């Protein structure tokens, strides 16, 4: 599992780490379905510190989508 959150997307390290921790918890809950895959979560657009919750929800939606596709592939 990899997380890529650049300085352009979130300038403050505190905010990048907060989002990284949130995403790590989301992935931990979906871990059994994703163990067979290498997954990289990359933040491409700028995220304001106040929108960390929204970014985490978007990550949760994407991880849920990946787990359903992984279940369908097996």
C-alpha atoms as a PDB file:
ATOM      1  CA  UNK A   1       0.000   0.000   0.000  1.00  0.00           C
ATOM      2  CA  UNK A   2       1.343   3.389  -0.922  1.00  0.00           C
ATOM      3  CA  UNK A   3       0.191   6.929  -0.296  1.00  0.00           C
ATOM      4  CA  UNK A   4       1.348   9.845  -2.428  1.00  0.00           C
ATOM      5  CA  UNK A   5       0.356  13.270  -1.146  1.00  0.00           C
ATOM      6  CA  UNK A   6       2.534  15.979  -2.610  1.00  0.00           C
ATOM      7  CA  UNK A   7       3.391  19.354  -1.191  1.00  0.00           C
ATOM      8  CA  UNK A   8       1.478  21.079  -3.976  1.00  0.00           C
ATOM      9  CA  UNK A   9      -1.683  19.203  -3.010  1.00  0.00           C
ATOM     10  CA  UNK A  10      -1.335  19.953   0.710  1.00  0.00           C
ATOM     11  CA  UNK A  11       1.373  22.446   1.708  1.00  0.00           C
ATOM     12  CA  UNK A  12       1.473  21.646   5.431  1.00  0.00           C
ATOM     13  CA  UNK A  13       3.048  18.373   6.577  1.00  0.00           C
ATOM     14  CA  UNK A  14       0.589  18.191   9.470  1.00  0.00           C
ATOM     15  CA  UNK A  15      -2.345  18.072   7.058  1.00  0.00           C
ATOM     16  CA  UNK A  16      -0.642  15.547   4.758  1.00  0.00           C
ATOM     17  CA  UNK A  17       0.037  13.269   7.720  1.00  0.00           C
ATOM     18  CA  UNK A  18      -3.532  13.636   9.004  1.00  0.00           C
ATOM     19  CA  UNK A  19      -4.932  12.587   5.625  1.00  0.00           C
ATOM     20  CA  UNK A  20      -2.397   9.762   5.383  1.00  0.00           C
ATOM     21  CA  UNK A  21      -3.500   8.432   8.806  1.00  0.00           C
ATOM     22  CA  UNK A  22      -7.163   8.612   7.773  1.00  0.00           C
ATOM     23  CA  UNK A  23      -6.495   6.748   4.534  1.00  0.00           C
ATOM     24  CA  UNK A  24      -4.426   4.142   6.371  1.00  0.00           C
ATOM     25  CA  UNK A  25      -7.380   3.378   8.672  1.00  0.00           C
ATOM     26  CA  UNK A  26      -9.756   3.089   5.709  1.00  0.00           C
ATOM     27  CA  UNK A  27      -7.440   0.661   3.961  1.00  0.00           C
ATOM     28  CA  UNK A  28      -6.875  -1.325   7.149  1.00  0.00           C
ATOM     29  CA  UNK A  29     -10.615  -2.042   7.337  1.00  0.00           C
ATOM     30  CA  UNK A  30     -10.624  -3.294   3.723  1.00  0.00           C
ATOM     31  CA  UNK A  31      -7.282  -5.094   4.005  1.00  0.00           C
ATOM     32  CA  UNK A  32      -8.339  -8.735   3.478  1.00  0.00           C
ATOM     33  CA  UNK A  33      -9.857  -7.978   0.078  1.00  0.00           C
ATOM     34  CA  UNK A  34      -6.875  -5.908  -1.077  1.00  0.00           C
ATOM     35  CA  UNK A  35      -3.988  -8.091   0.138  1.00  0.00           C
ATOM     36  CA  UNK A  36      -3.482  -9.671  -3.276  1.00  0.00           C
ATOM     37  CA  UNK A  37      -2.999  -6.282  -4.950  1.00  0.00           C
ATOM     38  CA  UNK A  38      -0.504  -3.448  -4.853  1.00  0.00           C
ATOM     39  CA  UNK A  39      -2.464  -0.236  -4.382  1.00  0.00           C
ATOM     40  CA  UNK A  40      -1.249   3.355  -4.541  1.00  0.00           C
ATOM     41  CA  UNK A  41      -3.520   6.176  -3.409  1.00  0.00           C
ATOM     42  CA  UNK A  42      -2.447   9.454  -4.977  1.00  0.00           C
ATOM     43  CA  UNK A  43      -3.870  12.898  -4.233  1.00  0.00           C
ATOM     44  CA  UNK A  44      -3.797  14.762  -7.516  1.00  0.00           C
ATOM     45  CA  UNK A  45      -5.661  17.986  -6.852  1.00  0.00           C
ATOM     46  CA  UNK A  46      -5.156  20.536  -4.095  1.00  0.00           C
ATOM     47  CA  UNK A  47      -6.879  19.775  -0.809  1.00  0.00           C
ATOM     48  CA  UNK A  48      -7.607  22.474   1.734  1.00  0.00           C
ATOM     49  CA  UNK A  49      -6.928  21.503   5.356  1.00  0.00           C
ATOM     50  CA  UNK A  50     -10.637  21.870   6.122  1.00  0.00           C
ATOM     51  CA  UNK A  51     -11.465  19.319   3.407  1.00  0.00           C
ATOM     52  CA  UNK A  52      -9.454  16.445   4.882  1.00  0.00           C
ATOM     53  CA  UNK A  53     -12.727  14.743   5.868  1.00  0.00           C
ATOM     54  CA  UNK A  54     -14.083  15.039   2.332  1.00  0.00           C
ATOM     55  CA  UNK A  55     -10.838  13.677   0.887  1.00  0.00           C
ATOM     56  CA  UNK A  56     -10.938  10.755   3.332  1.00  0.00           C
ATOM     57  CA  UNK A  57     -14.549  10.004   2.335  1.00  0.00           C
ATOM     58  CA  UNK A  58     -13.533  10.032  -1.323  1.00  0.00           C
ATOM     59  CA  UNK A  59     -10.710   7.637  -0.480  1.00  0.00           C
ATOM     60  CA  UNK A  60     -13.161   5.373   1.347  1.00  0.00           C
ATOM     61  CA  UNK A  61     -15.433   5.363  -1.693  1.00  0.00           C
ATOM     62  CA  UNK A  62     -12.548   4.441  -3.984  1.00  0.00           C
ATOM     63  CA  UNK A  63     -11.302   1.686  -1.673  1.00  0.00           C
ATOM     64  CA  UNK A  64     -14.825   0.247  -1.444  1.00  0.00           C
ATOM     65  CA  UNK A  65     -15.034   0.270  -5.223  1.00  0.00           C
ATOM     66  CA  UNK A  66     -11.665  -1.495  -5.462  1.00  0.00           C
ATOM     67  CA  UNK A  67     -12.715  -4.162  -2.957  1.00  0.00           C
ATOM     68  CA  UNK A  68     -15.905  -4.940  -4.885  1.00  0.00           C
ATOM     69  CA  UNK A  69     -13.902  -5.246  -8.105  1.00  0.00           C
ATOM     70  CA  UNK A  70     -11.362  -7.461  -6.346  1.00  0.00           C
ATOM     71  CA  UNK A  71     -14.173  -9.684  -5.067  1.00  0.00           C
ATOM     72  CA  UNK A  72     -15.651  -9.910  -8.563  1.00  0.00           C
ATOM     73  CA  UNK A  73     -12.282 -10.884 -10.042  1.00  0.00           C
ATOM     74  CA  UNK A  74     -11.888 -13.897  -7.763  1.00  0.00           C
END
